[in-house]
Amino acid sequence: MPNYNVKSTARDVFVAKEAVLQKKISQEMERAKEFTKSGNKQAAMQCLKRKKYYESQMNQVGSVQLRINTKEKMIADHSGNKEDK
């Protein structure tokens, strides 16, 4: 019998991580715009590099979520097949 509380908790953690990363991406974009307006191109570039890093982290979180969902479906299908027999 799978432990659904653990799965939903893990899912909640990944959803929270995505939200935090999205917020950081938005903040870095705003900071980059401010630095560009003030003429500090080096600081703006650093902000864009951090933004790109956060985007890659977000892609990794999405990949992990996809793998978890796929495995959950496989387990559910497998346990459903056992119950049918």
N, C-alpha and C. Protein backbone atom coordinates (compact mmCIF):
# COMPACT_ATOMS: atom_id res chain seq x y z
N MET A 1 0.84 -1.19 0.00
CA MET A 1 0.00 0.00 0.00
C MET A 1 0.88 1.24 0.00
N PRO A 2 0.79 2.11 -1.00
CA PRO A 2 1.64 3.29 -1.07
C PRO A 2 1.26 4.32 -0.01
N ASN A 3 2.26 5.07 0.40
CA ASN A 3 2.04 6.11 1.38
C ASN A 3 1.76 7.42 0.65
N TYR A 4 0.49 7.79 0.55
CA TYR A 4 0.10 8.96 -0.22
C TYR A 4 0.52 10.26 0.44
N ASN A 5 0.66 10.27 1.77
CA ASN A 5 1.09 11.48 2.46
C ASN A 5 2.50 11.87 2.06
N VAL A 6 3.37 10.89 1.92
CA VAL A 6 4.75 11.16 1.52
C VAL A 6 4.78 11.72 0.10
N LYS A 7 4.00 11.14 -0.80
CA LYS A 7 3.98 11.59 -2.19
C LYS A 7 3.45 13.02 -2.29
N SER A 8 2.38 13.30 -1.57
CA SER A 8 1.82 14.65 -1.67
C SER A 8 2.77 15.66 -1.03
N THR A 9 3.49 15.26 0.01
CA THR A 9 4.46 16.15 0.63
C THR A 9 5.60 16.43 -0.33
N ALA A 10 6.10 15.41 -1.00
CA ALA A 10 7.17 15.59 -1.98
C ALA A 10 6.69 16.50 -3.11
N ARG A 11 5.48 16.29 -3.56
CA ARG A 11 4.92 17.11 -4.63
C ARG A 11 4.81 18.57 -4.16
N ASP A 12 4.37 18.77 -2.92
CA ASP A 12 4.26 20.12 -2.38
C ASP A 12 5.62 20.81 -2.31
N VAL A 13 6.66 20.05 -1.96
CA VAL A 13 8.01 20.61 -1.89
C VAL A 13 8.44 21.10 -3.26
N PHE A 14 8.19 20.30 -4.29
CA PHE A 14 8.60 20.69 -5.64
C PHE A 14 7.79 21.87 -6.15
N VAL A 15 6.53 21.92 -5.81
CA VAL A 15 5.70 23.06 -6.21
C VAL A 15 6.21 24.33 -5.53
N ALA A 16 6.57 24.21 -4.25
CA ALA A 16 7.11 25.36 -3.53
C ALA A 16 8.44 25.81 -4.12
N LYS A 17 9.30 24.84 -4.48
CA LYS A 17 10.58 25.19 -5.09
C LYS A 17 10.37 25.92 -6.40
N GLU A 18 9.41 25.46 -7.19
CA GLU A 18 9.11 26.13 -8.46
C GLU A 18 8.66 27.57 -8.22
N ALA A 19 7.83 27.77 -7.22
CA ALA A 19 7.34 29.12 -6.93
C ALA A 19 8.48 30.04 -6.50
N VAL A 20 9.37 29.52 -5.66
CA VAL A 20 10.51 30.31 -5.20
C VAL A 20 11.42 30.66 -6.38
N LEU A 21 11.69 29.68 -7.23
CA LEU A 21 12.55 29.93 -8.38
C LEU A 21 11.92 30.94 -9.34
N GLN A 22 10.62 30.83 -9.54
CA GLN A 22 9.93 31.78 -10.42
C GLN A 22 10.04 33.19 -9.87
N LYS A 23 9.90 33.32 -8.56
CA LYS A 23 10.02 34.64 -7.92
C LYS A 23 11.43 35.19 -8.10
N LYS A 24 12.44 34.33 -7.92
CA LYS A 24 13.83 34.77 -8.08
C LYS A 24 14.12 35.19 -9.51
N ILE A 25 13.55 34.46 -10.47
CA ILE A 25 13.74 34.80 -11.88
C ILE A 25 13.16 36.20 -12.16
N SER A 26 11.98 36.45 -11.64
CA SER A 26 11.35 37.77 -11.84
C SER A 26 12.17 38.87 -11.18
N GLN A 27 12.67 38.61 -9.98
CA GLN A 27 13.48 39.60 -9.28
C GLN A 27 14.76 39.92 -10.04
N GLU A 28 15.41 38.90 -10.56
CA GLU A 28 16.66 39.13 -11.30
C GLU A 28 16.40 39.91 -12.58
N MET A 29 15.28 39.66 -13.23
CA MET A 29 14.95 40.43 -14.43
C MET A 29 14.75 41.91 -14.08
N GLU A 30 14.03 42.16 -13.00
CA GLU A 30 13.80 43.55 -12.58
C GLU A 30 15.11 44.24 -12.22
N ARG A 31 15.96 43.53 -11.49
CA ARG A 31 17.25 44.10 -11.11
C ARG A 31 18.10 44.39 -12.34
N ALA A 32 18.08 43.47 -13.31
CA ALA A 32 18.85 43.67 -14.54
C ALA A 32 18.37 44.91 -15.28
N LYS A 33 17.06 45.11 -15.33
CA LYS A 33 16.51 46.30 -15.99
C LYS A 33 16.96 47.57 -15.27
N GLU A 34 16.93 47.54 -13.93
CA GLU A 34 17.34 48.71 -13.15
C GLU A 34 18.82 49.03 -13.39
N PHE A 35 19.66 48.00 -13.38
CA PHE A 35 21.09 48.21 -13.59
C PHE A 35 21.36 48.73 -15.00
N THR A 36 20.60 48.23 -15.97
CA THR A 36 20.79 48.69 -17.35
C THR A 36 20.42 50.17 -17.47
N LYS A 37 19.32 50.56 -16.84
CA LYS A 37 18.90 51.96 -16.88
C LYS A 37 19.93 52.88 -16.23
N SER A 38 20.57 52.39 -15.15
CA SER A 38 21.56 53.22 -14.45
C SER A 38 22.94 53.14 -15.10
N GLY A 39 23.09 52.30 -16.13
CA GLY A 39 24.34 52.23 -16.86
C GLY A 39 25.34 51.21 -16.34
N ASN A 40 24.93 50.38 -15.40
CA ASN A 40 25.83 49.38 -14.83
C ASN A 40 25.60 48.05 -15.56
N LYS A 41 26.25 47.91 -16.71
CA LYS A 41 26.02 46.74 -17.56
C LYS A 41 26.59 45.47 -16.94
N GLN A 42 27.70 45.59 -16.21
CA GLN A 42 28.31 44.41 -15.61
C GLN A 42 27.37 43.79 -14.57
N ALA A 43 26.78 44.62 -13.73
CA ALA A 43 25.83 44.12 -12.73
C ALA A 43 24.59 43.53 -13.41
N ALA A 44 24.16 44.16 -14.49
CA ALA A 44 23.00 43.65 -15.23
C ALA A 44 23.30 42.27 -15.79
N MET A 45 24.51 42.09 -16.32
CA MET A 45 24.89 40.78 -16.86
C MET A 45 24.93 39.72 -15.76
N GLN A 46 25.39 40.08 -14.58
CA GLN A 46 25.40 39.14 -13.47
C GLN A 46 23.98 38.72 -13.10
N CYS A 47 23.07 39.67 -13.12
CA CYS A 47 21.66 39.35 -12.85
C CYS A 47 21.11 38.38 -13.89
N LEU A 48 21.45 38.61 -15.15
CA LEU A 48 20.96 37.73 -16.21
C LEU A 48 21.58 36.33 -16.10
N LYS A 49 22.82 36.25 -15.65
CA LYS A 49 23.45 34.94 -15.45
C LYS A 49 22.75 34.18 -14.33
N ARG A 50 22.43 34.91 -13.24
CA ARG A 50 21.70 34.26 -12.13
C ARG A 50 20.32 33.82 -12.60
N LYS A 51 19.67 34.65 -13.41
CA LYS A 51 18.35 34.31 -13.95
C LYS A 51 18.43 33.03 -14.77
N LYS A 52 19.44 32.92 -15.59
CA LYS A 52 19.62 31.73 -16.41
C LYS A 52 19.86 30.50 -15.53
N TYR A 53 20.63 30.66 -14.47
CA TYR A 53 20.87 29.57 -13.53
C TYR A 53 19.56 29.13 -12.87
N TYR A 54 18.77 30.09 -12.43
CA TYR A 54 17.48 29.76 -11.81
C TYR A 54 16.56 29.06 -12.79
N GLU A 55 16.60 29.47 -14.05
CA GLU A 55 15.78 28.80 -15.06
C GLU A 55 16.22 27.35 -15.26
N SER A 56 17.52 27.10 -15.23
CA SER A 56 17.99 25.71 -15.37
C SER A 56 17.58 24.89 -14.15
N GLN A 57 17.62 25.50 -12.97
CA GLN A 57 17.16 24.81 -11.77
C GLN A 57 15.67 24.47 -11.87
N MET A 58 14.91 25.40 -12.41
CA MET A 58 13.47 25.18 -12.57
C MET A 58 13.20 24.04 -13.55
N ASN A 59 13.99 23.96 -14.61
CA ASN A 59 13.86 22.86 -15.56
C ASN A 59 14.17 21.53 -14.89
N GLN A 60 15.18 21.51 -14.03
CA GLN A 60 15.53 20.28 -13.32
C GLN A 60 14.40 19.86 -12.38
N VAL A 61 13.82 20.81 -11.68
CA VAL A 61 12.70 20.50 -10.79
C VAL A 61 11.54 19.94 -11.60
N GLY A 62 11.27 20.53 -12.75
CA GLY A 62 10.20 20.03 -13.61
C GLY A 62 10.47 18.62 -14.09
N SER A 63 11.72 18.32 -14.41
CA SER A 63 12.08 16.97 -14.85
C SER A 63 11.88 15.96 -13.73
N VAL A 64 12.26 16.33 -12.53
CA VAL A 64 12.08 15.44 -11.38
C VAL A 64 10.59 15.19 -11.15
N GLN A 65 9.79 16.25 -11.24
CA GLN A 65 8.35 16.09 -11.06
C GLN A 65 7.77 15.15 -12.11
N LEU A 66 8.22 15.28 -13.33
CA LEU A 66 7.74 14.42 -14.40
C LEU A 66 8.11 12.96 -14.13
N ARG A 67 9.35 12.72 -13.70
CA ARG A 67 9.77 11.35 -13.38
C ARG A 67 8.95 10.77 -12.23
N ILE A 68 8.70 11.58 -11.21
CA ILE A 68 7.91 11.12 -10.07
C ILE A 68 6.50 10.76 -10.53
N ASN A 69 5.88 11.61 -11.33
CA ASN A 69 4.52 11.34 -11.82
C ASN A 69 4.49 10.07 -12.66
N THR A 70 5.50 9.89 -13.51
CA THR A 70 5.56 8.70 -14.36
C THR A 70 5.67 7.45 -13.51
N LYS A 71 6.54 7.49 -12.50
CA LYS A 71 6.71 6.32 -11.64
C LYS A 71 5.46 6.04 -10.82
N GLU A 72 4.79 7.10 -10.36
CA GLU A 72 3.54 6.91 -9.62
C GLU A 72 2.50 6.22 -10.49
N LYS A 73 2.41 6.62 -11.75
CA LYS A 73 1.45 6.00 -12.66
C LYS A 73 1.81 4.55 -12.91
N MET A 74 3.10 4.27 -13.07
CA MET A 74 3.53 2.89 -13.28
C MET A 74 3.18 2.02 -12.07
N ILE A 75 3.41 2.55 -10.89
CA ILE A 75 3.10 1.81 -9.66
C ILE A 75 1.60 1.60 -9.54
N ALA A 76 0.83 2.64 -9.84
CA ALA A 76 -0.63 2.52 -9.76
C ALA A 76 -1.14 1.49 -10.76
N ASP A 77 -0.59 1.52 -11.98
CA ASP A 77 -1.00 0.54 -12.99
C ASP A 77 -0.61 -0.87 -12.56
N HIS A 78 0.56 -1.00 -12.00
CA HIS A 78 1.04 -2.31 -11.57
C HIS A 78 0.19 -2.84 -10.41
N SER A 79 -0.11 -1.98 -9.45
CA SER A 79 -0.93 -2.43 -8.32
C SER A 79 -2.36 -2.72 -8.78
N GLY A 80 -2.84 -1.97 -9.78
CA GLY A 80 -4.17 -2.23 -10.34
C GLY A 80 -4.23 -3.57 -11.03
N ASN A 81 -3.14 -3.96 -11.70
CA ASN A 81 -3.08 -5.26 -12.36
C ASN A 81 -3.09 -6.39 -11.34
N LYS A 82 -2.44 -6.19 -10.20
CA LYS A 82 -2.42 -7.22 -9.17
C LYS A 82 -3.82 -7.43 -8.58
N GLU A 83 -4.55 -6.32 -8.40
CA GLU A 83 -5.89 -6.42 -7.83
C GLU A 83 -6.85 -7.12 -8.78
N ASP A 84 -6.62 -6.99 -10.09
CA ASP A 84 -7.49 -7.63 -11.07
C ASP A 84 -7.33 -9.14 -11.07
N LYS A 85 -6.16 -9.61 -10.69
CA LYS A 85 -5.89 -11.06 -10.74
C LYS A 85 -6.45 -11.80 -9.57
